[in-house]
């Protein structure tokens, strides 16, 4: 999405400079004073004091929040919670030889990387919300490191329940690929023994064994919306209509 956003802003005559974890590493105000930007786009909520300081210096603030109750006029909410909801909906509706009525007991293969908390919290919230709405049990959450041994331990836990977990929503495709590797170590397969669905549709997803079912979105649409919001802020106009979640969809393959 950062690549799409950079292109969208470039078409509007703006240079997009990215600072990963800038607030923690270098100090936000130091960076922004050095660069002197016309606007700041942040993936997370910015402290109110820092926001006030930026605006006092004529710098517009656009927050691209993934999961928060704190909403400002310039805030955009990207649909990470919807990713989790769609994963559950797909597994719930997906018939299979062993689960002709679809999957009713689900797991969540979580990331153990704290840098991804802003994304994973929203996706897990979506999984939980969809399970509650569909009257399913609370999902069995297990962190899965990106190695087959960790995935194998998670799979054993999911299969030991009564009833066992039959479908797993992975935080993203990387975690889902680890789960597929764990299944292979146990001489099990997807979707016969455990259906697996990821998020992101990375290039390796289609080359997995079996090819990975995943959830994706048209990040170009959201990048254009963020760029348009920046331009509107510079012109003193309110943000335009949010793209919504209709651009989030399942890419159906053989793993679920």
C-alpha atoms as a PDB file:
ATOM      1  CA  UNK A   1       0.000   0.000   0.000  1.00  0.00           C
ATOM      2  CA  UNK A   2       2.917   2.341   0.683  1.00  0.00           C
ATOM      3  CA  UNK A   3       4.033   1.866  -2.919  1.00  0.00           C
ATOM      4  CA  UNK A   4       0.539   2.627  -4.208  1.00  0.00           C
ATOM      5  CA  UNK A   5       0.307   5.673  -1.926  1.00  0.00           C
ATOM      6  CA  UNK A   6       3.682   6.984  -3.087  1.00  0.00           C
ATOM      7  CA  UNK A   7       2.546   6.743  -6.728  1.00  0.00           C
ATOM      8  CA  UNK A   8      -0.814   8.372  -5.976  1.00  0.00           C
ATOM      9  CA  UNK A   9       0.824  11.325  -4.207  1.00  0.00           C
ATOM     10  CA  UNK A  10       3.466  11.644  -6.933  1.00  0.00           C
ATOM     11  CA  UNK A  11       0.702  12.075  -9.516  1.00  0.00           C
ATOM     12  CA  UNK A  12      -0.478  15.011  -7.404  1.00  0.00           C
ATOM     13  CA  UNK A  13       2.979  16.598  -7.284  1.00  0.00           C
ATOM     14  CA  UNK A  14       3.890  15.484  -3.740  1.00  0.00           C
ATOM     15  CA  UNK A  15       6.973  13.543  -2.620  1.00  0.00           C
ATOM     16  CA  UNK A  16       6.157  10.763  -0.131  1.00  0.00           C
ATOM     17  CA  UNK A  17       8.933  10.045   2.394  1.00  0.00           C
ATOM     18  CA  UNK A  18       8.530   6.942   4.584  1.00  0.00           C
ATOM     19  CA  UNK A  19       9.944   6.543   8.087  1.00  0.00           C
ATOM     20  CA  UNK A  20       9.276   3.069   9.541  1.00  0.00           C
ATOM     21  CA  UNK A  21       8.601   3.259  13.289  1.00  0.00           C
ATOM     22  CA  UNK A  22       9.755   6.880  13.160  1.00  0.00           C
ATOM     23  CA  UNK A  23       8.107   7.875  16.429  1.00  0.00           C
ATOM     24  CA  UNK A  24       9.932   5.190  18.394  1.00  0.00           C
ATOM     25  CA  UNK A  25      13.330   5.356  16.697  1.00  0.00           C
ATOM     26  CA  UNK A  26      14.116   8.992  16.026  1.00  0.00           C
ATOM     27  CA  UNK A  27      11.374  11.052  17.623  1.00  0.00           C
ATOM     28  CA  UNK A  28       8.493  12.338  15.562  1.00  0.00           C
ATOM     29  CA  UNK A  29       8.927  16.064  16.117  1.00  0.00           C
ATOM     30  CA  UNK A  30      12.639  15.947  15.287  1.00  0.00           C
ATOM     31  CA  UNK A  31      11.948  14.272  11.939  1.00  0.00           C
ATOM     32  CA  UNK A  32       9.080  16.557  11.001  1.00  0.00           C
ATOM     33  CA  UNK A  33      11.023  19.691  11.930  1.00  0.00           C
ATOM     34  CA  UNK A  34      13.928  18.524   9.762  1.00  0.00           C
ATOM     35  CA  UNK A  35      11.816  17.696   6.704  1.00  0.00           C
ATOM     36  CA  UNK A  36       9.220  20.449   6.998  1.00  0.00           C
ATOM     37  CA  UNK A  37       6.365  18.470   5.372  1.00  0.00           C
ATOM     38  CA  UNK A  38       3.040  19.904   4.233  1.00  0.00           C
ATOM     39  CA  UNK A  39       1.270  16.866   5.716  1.00  0.00           C
ATOM     40  CA  UNK A  40       1.945  13.807   7.837  1.00  0.00           C
ATOM     41  CA  UNK A  41       0.278  10.444   7.194  1.00  0.00           C
ATOM     42  CA  UNK A  42       0.491   8.019  10.117  1.00  0.00           C
ATOM     43  CA  UNK A  43      -0.569   4.370  10.330  1.00  0.00           C
ATOM     44  CA  UNK A  44      -1.248   4.819  14.038  1.00  0.00           C
ATOM     45  CA  UNK A  45      -2.851   7.402  16.266  1.00  0.00           C
ATOM     46  CA  UNK A  46      -0.601  10.408  16.913  1.00  0.00           C
ATOM     47  CA  UNK A  47      -0.384  11.884  20.389  1.00  0.00           C
ATOM     48  CA  UNK A  48      -2.747  14.856  20.809  1.00  0.00           C
ATOM     49  CA  UNK A  49       0.108  17.135  21.920  1.00  0.00           C
ATOM     50  CA  UNK A  50       2.189  16.254  18.858  1.00  0.00           C
ATOM     51  CA  UNK A  51      -0.859  16.684  16.608  1.00  0.00           C
ATOM     52  CA  UNK A  52      -1.520  20.135  18.055  1.00  0.00           C
ATOM     53  CA  UNK A  53       2.126  21.120  17.540  1.00  0.00           C
ATOM     54  CA  UNK A  54       2.087  19.957  13.921  1.00  0.00           C
ATOM     55  CA  UNK A  55      -1.113  21.821  13.142  1.00  0.00           C
ATOM     56  CA  UNK A  56       0.199  24.925  14.861  1.00  0.00           C
ATOM     57  CA  UNK A  57       3.055  24.864  12.331  1.00  0.00           C
ATOM     58  CA  UNK A  58       0.634  24.456   9.420  1.00  0.00           C
ATOM     59  CA  UNK A  59       1.238  20.722   8.956  1.00  0.00           C
ATOM     60  CA  UNK A  60      -1.867  18.686   8.177  1.00  0.00           C
ATOM     61  CA  UNK A  61      -2.324  15.316   9.929  1.00  0.00           C
ATOM     62  CA  UNK A  62      -3.990  12.308   8.306  1.00  0.00           C
ATOM     63  CA  UNK A  63      -4.210   9.177  10.467  1.00  0.00           C
ATOM     64  CA  UNK A  64      -4.683   5.824   8.778  1.00  0.00           C
ATOM     65  CA  UNK A  65      -5.878   3.815  11.764  1.00  0.00           C
ATOM     66  CA  UNK A  66      -6.297   0.050  11.709  1.00  0.00           C
ATOM     67  CA  UNK A  67      -8.096  -0.516  14.997  1.00  0.00           C
ATOM     68  CA  UNK A  68      -8.966   2.235  17.434  1.00  0.00           C
ATOM     69  CA  UNK A  69     -11.885   3.869  19.175  1.00  0.00           C
ATOM     70  CA  UNK A  70     -10.265   7.268  18.785  1.00  0.00           C
ATOM     71  CA  UNK A  71     -11.698   8.953  15.702  1.00  0.00           C
ATOM     72  CA  UNK A  72     -10.837  12.393  14.387  1.00  0.00           C
ATOM     73  CA  UNK A  73     -12.160  14.231  11.378  1.00  0.00           C
ATOM     74  CA  UNK A  74      -9.033  13.373   9.387  1.00  0.00           C
ATOM     75  CA  UNK A  75      -9.026   9.702  10.390  1.00  0.00           C
ATOM     76  CA  UNK A  76      -9.382   6.921   7.819  1.00  0.00           C
ATOM     77  CA  UNK A  77     -10.081   3.384   8.962  1.00  0.00           C
ATOM     78  CA  UNK A  78      -8.635   0.629   6.766  1.00  0.00           C
ATOM     79  CA  UNK A  79     -10.635  -2.610   6.755  1.00  0.00           C
ATOM     80  CA  UNK A  80      -8.400  -4.987   8.718  1.00  0.00           C
ATOM     81  CA  UNK A  81     -11.298  -6.044  10.945  1.00  0.00           C
ATOM     82  CA  UNK A  82     -13.243  -6.919   7.813  1.00  0.00           C
ATOM     83  CA  UNK A  83     -10.391  -9.238   6.756  1.00  0.00           C
ATOM     84  CA  UNK A  84     -11.024 -11.383   9.825  1.00  0.00           C
ATOM     85  CA  UNK A  85     -14.790 -11.328   9.362  1.00  0.00           C
ATOM     86  CA  UNK A  86     -14.520 -12.498   5.756  1.00  0.00           C
ATOM     87  CA  UNK A  87     -12.179 -15.332   6.745  1.00  0.00           C
ATOM     88  CA  UNK A  88     -14.785 -16.662   9.183  1.00  0.00           C
ATOM     89  CA  UNK A  89     -17.661 -16.174   6.751  1.00  0.00           C
ATOM     90  CA  UNK A  90     -15.817 -18.120   4.073  1.00  0.00           C
ATOM     91  CA  UNK A  91     -15.001 -21.063   6.351  1.00  0.00           C
ATOM     92  CA  UNK A  92     -18.507 -21.054   7.830  1.00  0.00           C
ATOM     93  CA  UNK A  93     -20.115 -21.303   4.401  1.00  0.00           C
ATOM     94  CA  UNK A  94     -17.579 -23.651   2.857  1.00  0.00           C
ATOM     95  CA  UNK A  95     -18.824 -27.215   2.476  1.00  0.00           C
ATOM     96  CA  UNK A  96     -16.378 -30.105   2.346  1.00  0.00           C
ATOM     97  CA  UNK A  97     -16.474 -33.901   2.409  1.00  0.00           C
ATOM     98  CA  UNK A  98     -15.903 -34.011   6.175  1.00  0.00           C
ATOM     99  CA  UNK A  99     -17.680 -30.738   6.933  1.00  0.00           C
ATOM    100  CA  UNK A 100     -20.662 -30.651   4.610  1.00  0.00           C
ATOM    101  CA  UNK A 101     -22.300 -27.829   6.593  1.00  0.00           C
ATOM    102  CA  UNK A 102     -19.162 -25.712   6.685  1.00  0.00           C
ATOM    103  CA  UNK A 103     -16.727 -25.195   9.554  1.00  0.00           C
ATOM    104  CA  UNK A 104     -18.169 -24.543  13.012  1.00  0.00           C
ATOM    105  CA  UNK A 105     -15.081 -24.653  15.281  1.00  0.00           C
ATOM    106  CA  UNK A 106     -12.348 -22.256  14.219  1.00  0.00           C
ATOM    107  CA  UNK A 107      -8.819 -21.379  15.234  1.00  0.00           C
ATOM    108  CA  UNK A 108      -6.806 -18.196  14.783  1.00  0.00           C
ATOM    109  CA  UNK A 109      -3.129 -18.558  13.868  1.00  0.00           C
ATOM    110  CA  UNK A 110      -1.796 -15.365  15.406  1.00  0.00           C
ATOM    111  CA  UNK A 111       1.461 -13.524  14.720  1.00  0.00           C
ATOM    112  CA  UNK A 112       3.973 -13.307  17.556  1.00  0.00           C
ATOM    113  CA  UNK A 113       5.622 -10.164  16.129  1.00  0.00           C
ATOM    114  CA  UNK A 114       4.820  -7.153  18.383  1.00  0.00           C
ATOM    115  CA  UNK A 115       5.489  -4.767  15.485  1.00  0.00           C
ATOM    116  CA  UNK A 116       2.317  -6.073  13.849  1.00  0.00           C
ATOM    117  CA  UNK A 117       0.018  -5.528  16.831  1.00  0.00           C
ATOM    118  CA  UNK A 118      -1.896  -2.693  15.168  1.00  0.00           C
ATOM    119  CA  UNK A 119      -2.898  -5.067  12.347  1.00  0.00           C
ATOM    120  CA  UNK A 120      -3.334  -8.338  14.244  1.00  0.00           C
ATOM    121  CA  UNK A 121      -5.582  -6.869  16.923  1.00  0.00           C
ATOM    122  CA  UNK A 122      -8.023  -5.663  14.274  1.00  0.00           C
ATOM    123  CA  UNK A 123      -8.003  -8.930  12.328  1.00  0.00           C
ATOM    124  CA  UNK A 124      -8.525 -11.006  15.473  1.00  0.00           C
ATOM    125  CA  UNK A 125     -11.341  -8.661  16.526  1.00  0.00           C
ATOM    126  CA  UNK A 126     -12.978  -9.324  13.164  1.00  0.00           C
ATOM    127  CA  UNK A 127     -12.662 -13.098  13.602  1.00  0.00           C
ATOM    128  CA  UNK A 128     -14.197 -12.900  17.080  1.00  0.00           C
ATOM    129  CA  UNK A 129     -17.004 -10.603  15.966  1.00  0.00           C
ATOM    130  CA  UNK A 130     -17.964 -12.872  13.063  1.00  0.00           C
ATOM    131  CA  UNK A 131     -17.881 -15.976  15.276  1.00  0.00           C
ATOM    132  CA  UNK A 132     -20.215 -14.274  17.758  1.00  0.00           C
ATOM    133  CA  UNK A 133     -22.555 -13.089  14.997  1.00  0.00           C
ATOM    134  CA  UNK A 134     -22.745 -16.582  13.483  1.00  0.00           C
ATOM    135  CA  UNK A 135     -23.248 -18.190  16.905  1.00  0.00           C
ATOM    136  CA  UNK A 136     -19.918 -20.046  16.752  1.00  0.00           C
ATOM    137  CA  UNK A 137     -17.664 -20.801  19.698  1.00  0.00           C
ATOM    138  CA  UNK A 138     -14.895 -18.373  20.614  1.00  0.00           C
ATOM    139  CA  UNK A 139     -11.977 -18.996  18.207  1.00  0.00           C
ATOM    140  CA  UNK A 140      -9.015 -20.907  19.636  1.00  0.00           C
ATOM    141  CA  UNK A 141      -6.136 -18.438  19.389  1.00  0.00           C
ATOM    142  CA  UNK A 142      -2.577 -19.676  19.144  1.00  0.00           C
ATOM    143  CA  UNK A 143       0.537 -17.635  18.234  1.00  0.00           C
ATOM    144  CA  UNK A 144       2.449 -19.268  15.388  1.00  0.00           C
ATOM    145  CA  UNK A 145       6.071 -18.400  14.748  1.00  0.00           C
ATOM    146  CA  UNK A 146       7.189 -18.676  11.157  1.00  0.00           C
ATOM    147  CA  UNK A 147       8.551 -22.201  11.422  1.00  0.00           C
ATOM    148  CA  UNK A 148       6.969 -25.643  10.976  1.00  0.00           C
ATOM    149  CA  UNK A 149       7.699 -26.764  14.564  1.00  0.00           C
ATOM    150  CA  UNK A 150       5.669 -23.912  16.092  1.00  0.00           C
ATOM    151  CA  UNK A 151       2.865 -24.532  13.613  1.00  0.00           C
ATOM    152  CA  UNK A 152       2.885 -28.230  14.471  1.00  0.00           C
ATOM    153  CA  UNK A 153       2.356 -27.423  18.162  1.00  0.00           C
ATOM    154  CA  UNK A 154      -0.560 -25.135  17.316  1.00  0.00           C
ATOM    155  CA  UNK A 155      -2.143 -27.756  15.085  1.00  0.00           C
ATOM    156  CA  UNK A 156      -1.903 -30.390  17.832  1.00  0.00           C
ATOM    157  CA  UNK A 157      -3.692 -28.017  20.211  1.00  0.00           C
ATOM    158  CA  UNK A 158      -6.445 -27.259  17.694  1.00  0.00           C
ATOM    159  CA  UNK A 159      -7.017 -30.941  16.958  1.00  0.00           C
ATOM    160  CA  UNK A 160      -7.074 -31.931  20.633  1.00  0.00           C
ATOM    161  CA  UNK A 161     -10.273 -30.003  21.366  1.00  0.00           C
ATOM    162  CA  UNK A 162     -13.738 -31.488  21.662  1.00  0.00           C
ATOM    163  CA  UNK A 163     -14.879 -30.837  19.026  1.00  0.00           C
ATOM    164  CA  UNK A 164     -11.565 -30.200  17.275  1.00  0.00           C
ATOM    165  CA  UNK A 165     -10.848 -27.072  15.272  1.00  0.00           C
ATOM    166  CA  UNK A 166     -11.596 -27.798  11.611  1.00  0.00           C
ATOM    167  CA  UNK A 167     -10.687 -24.437  10.046  1.00  0.00           C
ATOM    168  CA  UNK A 168      -8.023 -21.845  10.851  1.00  0.00           C
ATOM    169  CA  UNK A 169      -7.909 -18.132  10.061  1.00  0.00           C
ATOM    170  CA  UNK A 170      -4.260 -17.122   9.812  1.00  0.00           C
ATOM    171  CA  UNK A 171      -3.130 -13.579  10.618  1.00  0.00           C
ATOM    172  CA  UNK A 172      -1.555 -13.374   7.165  1.00  0.00           C
ATOM    173  CA  UNK A 173      -0.285 -15.568   4.344  1.00  0.00           C
ATOM    174  CA  UNK A 174       3.175 -16.016   5.925  1.00  0.00           C
ATOM    175  CA  UNK A 175       1.596 -17.517   9.041  1.00  0.00           C
ATOM    176  CA  UNK A 176      -0.784 -19.583   6.892  1.00  0.00           C
ATOM    177  CA  UNK A 177       2.162 -21.042   4.955  1.00  0.00           C
ATOM    178  CA  UNK A 178       3.772 -22.031   8.265  1.00  0.00           C
ATOM    179  CA  UNK A 179       0.532 -23.824   9.215  1.00  0.00           C
ATOM    180  CA  UNK A 180       0.568 -25.697   5.895  1.00  0.00           C
ATOM    181  CA  UNK A 181       4.163 -26.748   6.614  1.00  0.00           C
ATOM    182  CA  UNK A 182       3.117 -27.910  10.078  1.00  0.00           C
ATOM    183  CA  UNK A 183       0.346 -30.023   8.575  1.00  0.00           C
ATOM    184  CA  UNK A 184       2.883 -31.633   6.251  1.00  0.00           C
ATOM    185  CA  UNK A 185       5.116 -32.557   9.230  1.00  0.00           C
ATOM    186  CA  UNK A 186       2.144 -34.303  10.852  1.00  0.00           C
ATOM    187  CA  UNK A 187       1.228 -36.128   7.618  1.00  0.00           C
ATOM    188  CA  UNK A 188      -1.993 -34.149   7.516  1.00  0.00           C
ATOM    189  CA  UNK A 189      -3.406 -32.040   4.702  1.00  0.00           C
ATOM    190  CA  UNK A 190      -5.533 -28.986   4.006  1.00  0.00           C
ATOM    191  CA  UNK A 191      -8.476 -28.813   3.763  1.00  0.00           C
ATOM    192  CA  UNK A 192      -9.179 -32.482   4.648  1.00  0.00           C
ATOM    193  CA  UNK A 193      -7.708 -32.290   8.156  1.00  0.00           C
ATOM    194  CA  UNK A 194      -7.619 -28.517   8.666  1.00  0.00           C
ATOM    195  CA  UNK A 195      -8.838 -25.793   6.334  1.00  0.00           C
ATOM    196  CA  UNK A 196      -6.495 -22.779   6.208  1.00  0.00           C
ATOM    197  CA  UNK A 197      -7.153 -19.239   4.992  1.00  0.00           C
ATOM    198  CA  UNK A 198      -4.673 -16.350   5.022  1.00  0.00           C
ATOM    199  CA  UNK A 199      -4.643 -12.624   4.272  1.00  0.00           C
ATOM    200  CA  UNK A 200      -2.708 -10.569   1.677  1.00  0.00           C
ATOM    201  CA  UNK A 201      -2.472 -12.879  -1.383  1.00  0.00           C
ATOM    202  CA  UNK A 202       1.326 -12.773  -1.496  1.00  0.00           C
ATOM    203  CA  UNK A 203       2.998 -14.289  -4.612  1.00  0.00           C
ATOM    204  CA  UNK A 204       3.910 -17.476  -2.715  1.00  0.00           C
ATOM    205  CA  UNK A 205       0.256 -18.168  -1.888  1.00  0.00           C
ATOM    206  CA  UNK A 206      -0.551 -19.584  -5.311  1.00  0.00           C
ATOM    207  CA  UNK A 207       2.611 -21.745  -5.258  1.00  0.00           C
ATOM    208  CA  UNK A 208       1.859 -23.318  -1.859  1.00  0.00           C
ATOM    209  CA  UNK A 209       0.908 -26.973  -1.536  1.00  0.00           C
ATOM    210  CA  UNK A 210      -2.036 -26.852  -1.667  1.00  0.00           C
ATOM    211  CA  UNK A 211      -2.527 -23.365  -3.143  1.00  0.00           C
ATOM    212  CA  UNK A 212      -3.563 -21.034  -0.335  1.00  0.00           C
ATOM    213  CA  UNK A 213      -7.025 -19.528  -0.015  1.00  0.00           C
ATOM    214  CA  UNK A 214      -6.614 -15.941   1.139  1.00  0.00           C
ATOM    215  CA  UNK A 215      -8.259 -12.543   1.564  1.00  0.00           C
ATOM    216  CA  UNK A 216      -7.079  -9.527  -0.390  1.00  0.00           C
ATOM    217  CA  UNK A 217      -8.094  -5.950  -1.051  1.00  0.00           C
ATOM    218  CA  UNK A 218      -7.568  -3.354  -3.749  1.00  0.00           C
ATOM    219  CA  UNK A 219      -4.995  -1.247  -1.925  1.00  0.00           C
ATOM    220  CA  UNK A 220      -4.843   1.058  -4.935  1.00  0.00           C
ATOM    221  CA  UNK A 221      -8.369   2.256  -4.096  1.00  0.00           C
ATOM    222  CA  UNK A 222      -7.439   3.030  -0.482  1.00  0.00           C
ATOM    223  CA  UNK A 223      -4.148   4.634  -1.495  1.00  0.00           C
ATOM    224  CA  UNK A 224      -6.006   6.935  -3.898  1.00  0.00           C
ATOM    225  CA  UNK A 225      -8.448   7.816  -1.116  1.00  0.00           C
ATOM    226  CA  UNK A 226      -5.633   8.664   1.315  1.00  0.00           C
ATOM    227  CA  UNK A 227      -3.872  10.772  -1.321  1.00  0.00           C
ATOM    228  CA  UNK A 228      -7.137  12.550  -2.099  1.00  0.00           C
ATOM    229  CA  UNK A 229      -7.670  13.183   1.632  1.00  0.00           C
ATOM    230  CA  UNK A 230      -4.229  14.803   1.857  1.00  0.00           C
ATOM    231  CA  UNK A 231      -4.964  17.057  -1.114  1.00  0.00           C
ATOM    232  CA  UNK A 232      -8.367  17.986   0.324  1.00  0.00           C
ATOM    233  CA  UNK A 233      -6.733  18.832   3.662  1.00  0.00           C
ATOM    234  CA  UNK A 234      -4.231  21.115   1.908  1.00  0.00           C
ATOM    235  CA  UNK A 235      -7.128  22.827   0.132  1.00  0.00           C
ATOM    236  CA  UNK A 236      -9.134  23.188   3.357  1.00  0.00           C
ATOM    237  CA  UNK A 237     -11.789  20.675   2.257  1.00  0.00           C
ATOM    238  CA  UNK A 238     -13.318  17.784   4.177  1.00  0.00           C
ATOM    239  CA  UNK A 239     -12.339  14.187   3.264  1.00  0.00           C
ATOM    240  CA  UNK A 240     -14.311  12.511   0.490  1.00  0.00           C
ATOM    241  CA  UNK A 241     -16.479   9.419   0.823  1.00  0.00           C
ATOM    242  CA  UNK A 242     -14.674   6.400   2.303  1.00  0.00           C
ATOM    243  CA  UNK A 243     -14.221   3.504  -0.169  1.00  0.00           C
ATOM    244  CA  UNK A 244     -15.900   1.071   2.240  1.00  0.00           C
ATOM    245  CA  UNK A 245     -15.215  -2.652   2.511  1.00  0.00           C
ATOM    246  CA  UNK A 246     -16.621  -3.846  -0.805  1.00  0.00           C
ATOM    247  CA  UNK A 247     -13.057  -3.959  -2.146  1.00  0.00           C
ATOM    248  CA  UNK A 248     -12.135  -6.760   0.302  1.00  0.00           C
ATOM    249  CA  UNK A 249     -12.650 -10.233  -1.160  1.00  0.00           C
ATOM    250  CA  UNK A 250     -11.690 -13.905  -0.877  1.00  0.00           C
ATOM    251  CA  UNK A 251      -9.305 -15.469  -3.378  1.00  0.00           C
ATOM    252  CA  UNK A 252     -10.538 -19.065  -3.340  1.00  0.00           C
ATOM    253  CA  UNK A 253      -7.955 -21.817  -3.802  1.00  0.00           C
ATOM    254  CA  UNK A 254      -7.571 -25.380  -2.518  1.00  0.00           C
ATOM    255  CA  UNK A 255      -6.540 -24.930   1.150  1.00  0.00           C
ATOM    256  CA  UNK A 256     -10.057 -23.980   2.352  1.00  0.00           C
END
